[in-house]
Amino acid sequence: MLICRQSRHFCNSKAFFFVKLLELQPWRSDSEILGNTTSYRARLMSLFPALYDSFSTSQRQATNASQLAAEGLYLELVRVVTDSIPRHLQDLVQEQLMQLNAMHISDVGDAASLQLQGDQYRVYTAITASI
């Protein structure tokens, strides 16, 4: 079976969990894959809880690394901006920009397929599948 690269990302959660189940063991039918669960994610969680936990851990680590990189870029941007304005405004502008850096807006991101439950997960899956 050929597996498209797009199916290997969390944001395409239904396909991602389906592909993971196919990779982990042989199946005879789709109903056998689902078993008594309602989604591929639930089936993966029930059969391979340690693997599912490792996905969550990896996703958190990637999110933290991405956030640290973005903060580093932001601090560099603050430095460039403050270096290019008159000296008497630098402290004021730098302080304001640093306060903006402290504001964190949470995003759903790739981890949604791991964190959302019930109806939220079903809606997220339907929306991402239609995009």
Protein backbone atom coordinates (compact mmCIF):
# COMPACT_ATOMS: atom_id res chain seq x y z
CA MET A 1 0.00 0.00 0.00
CA LEU A 2 1.31 3.46 -0.87
CA ILE A 3 0.83 6.11 1.77
CA CYS A 4 0.76 9.75 0.79
CA ARG A 5 2.98 12.08 2.82
CA GLN A 6 0.03 14.35 3.70
CA SER A 7 -1.55 11.47 5.65
CA ARG A 8 1.38 11.41 8.02
CA HIS A 9 0.56 14.71 9.77
CA PHE A 10 -1.56 15.20 12.89
CA CYS A 11 -3.63 17.93 11.26
CA ASN A 12 -5.02 15.27 8.91
CA SER A 13 -5.91 13.26 11.99
CA LYS A 14 -8.25 10.61 10.58
CA ALA A 15 -5.76 9.65 7.89
CA PHE A 16 -2.81 9.90 10.28
CA PHE A 17 -4.27 7.46 12.81
CA PHE A 18 -5.51 5.14 10.04
CA VAL A 19 -2.02 5.00 8.52
CA LYS A 20 -0.43 4.39 11.93
CA LEU A 21 -2.77 1.45 12.54
CA LEU A 22 -1.90 0.04 9.10
CA GLU A 23 1.81 0.38 9.85
CA LEU A 24 1.58 -1.37 13.21
CA GLN A 25 -0.21 -4.58 12.31
CA PRO A 26 -2.02 -6.35 9.47
CA TRP A 27 -5.79 -6.00 9.14
CA ARG A 28 -8.36 -7.78 6.98
CA SER A 29 -11.00 -5.06 6.85
CA ASP A 30 -11.88 -1.55 7.95
CA SER A 31 -14.34 -2.90 10.50
CA GLU A 32 -11.56 -5.02 11.99
CA ILE A 33 -9.36 -1.94 12.27
CA LEU A 34 -12.07 0.02 14.09
CA GLY A 35 -13.05 -2.90 16.32
CA ASN A 36 -15.59 -1.64 18.84
CA THR A 37 -14.37 1.97 18.71
CA THR A 38 -15.81 4.92 16.80
CA SER A 39 -12.57 6.35 15.40
CA TYR A 40 -9.09 5.31 14.33
CA ARG A 41 -7.68 7.53 17.06
CA ALA A 42 -9.68 5.74 19.75
CA ARG A 43 -8.56 2.38 18.37
CA LEU A 44 -4.89 3.43 18.36
CA MET A 45 -5.26 4.72 21.92
CA SER A 46 -6.80 1.46 23.10
CA LEU A 47 -4.32 -0.85 21.36
CA PHE A 48 -1.12 1.16 21.76
CA PRO A 49 -1.41 3.58 24.71
CA ALA A 50 2.37 3.96 25.09
CA LEU A 51 2.71 4.93 21.42
CA TYR A 52 -0.11 7.42 21.77
CA ASP A 53 1.62 8.93 24.84
CA SER A 54 4.87 9.20 22.86
CA PHE A 55 2.99 11.14 20.13
CA SER A 56 1.71 13.55 22.77
CA THR A 57 5.17 13.99 24.28
CA SER A 58 6.78 14.54 20.88
CA GLN A 59 4.10 17.05 19.94
CA ARG A 60 4.61 19.02 23.18
CA GLN A 61 8.37 19.06 22.63
CA ALA A 62 7.97 20.26 19.05
CA THR A 63 5.55 22.97 20.18
CA ASN A 64 7.98 24.14 22.86
CA ALA A 65 10.89 24.19 20.41
CA SER A 66 8.81 26.13 17.90
CA GLN A 67 7.75 28.62 20.57
CA LEU A 68 11.34 29.13 21.71
CA ALA A 69 12.45 29.72 18.14
CA ALA A 70 9.63 32.22 17.58
CA GLU A 71 10.51 34.05 20.81
CA GLY A 72 14.15 34.23 19.73
CA LEU A 73 13.14 35.71 16.39
CA TYR A 74 10.85 38.17 18.14
CA LEU A 75 13.62 39.33 20.46
CA GLU A 76 15.90 39.82 17.44
CA LEU A 77 13.15 41.84 15.75
CA VAL A 78 12.76 44.00 18.88
CA ARG A 79 16.51 44.64 18.86
CA VAL A 80 16.52 45.63 15.18
CA VAL A 81 13.50 47.93 15.60
CA THR A 82 14.84 49.64 18.72
CA ASP A 83 18.26 50.11 17.13
CA SER A 84 16.67 51.93 14.21
CA ILE A 85 14.70 54.54 16.19
CA PRO A 86 15.88 57.67 18.00
CA ARG A 87 17.74 56.98 21.24
CA HIS A 88 15.24 58.80 23.48
CA LEU A 89 12.41 56.48 22.28
CA GLN A 90 14.31 53.19 22.45
CA ASP A 91 13.52 52.29 26.07
CA LEU A 92 9.84 53.11 25.70
CA VAL A 93 9.40 51.17 22.45
CA GLN A 94 11.47 48.25 23.69
CA GLU A 95 9.39 47.98 26.87
CA GLN A 96 6.14 48.02 24.89
CA LEU A 97 7.37 45.41 22.43
CA MET A 98 8.60 43.18 25.26
CA GLN A 99 5.16 43.36 26.88
CA LEU A 100 3.64 42.18 23.61
CA ASN A 101 6.04 39.25 23.67
CA ALA A 102 4.61 38.18 27.04
CA MET A 103 1.13 37.81 25.50
CA HIS A 104 0.56 34.21 24.50
CA ILE A 105 -2.36 33.32 22.31
CA SER A 106 -3.00 29.61 22.39
CA ASP A 107 -3.59 27.94 19.09
CA VAL A 108 -5.18 24.62 18.29
CA GLY A 109 -2.40 23.50 15.96
CA ASP A 110 -1.36 19.95 15.24
CA ALA A 111 -1.84 18.79 18.81
CA ALA A 112 -5.61 19.15 18.47
CA SER A 113 -5.91 15.64 17.11
CA LEU A 114 -4.32 14.40 20.33
CA GLN A 115 -6.01 16.70 22.83
CA LEU A 116 -9.60 17.23 21.69
CA GLN A 117 -12.26 14.83 22.89
CA GLY A 118 -15.76 13.76 21.84
CA ASP A 119 -17.70 16.22 19.68
CA GLN A 120 -14.75 18.63 19.52
CA TYR A 121 -12.60 15.93 17.95
CA ARG A 122 -15.33 14.92 15.47
CA VAL A 123 -15.85 18.55 14.39
CA TYR A 124 -12.10 19.18 14.11
CA THR A 125 -11.71 16.04 11.98
CA ALA A 126 -14.60 17.03 9.71
CA ILE A 127 -13.23 20.56 9.22
CA THR A 128 -9.63 19.48 8.54
CA ALA A 129 -10.81 16.78 6.15
CA SER A 130 -12.74 19.33 4.10
CA ILE A 131 -9.82 21.77 3.80
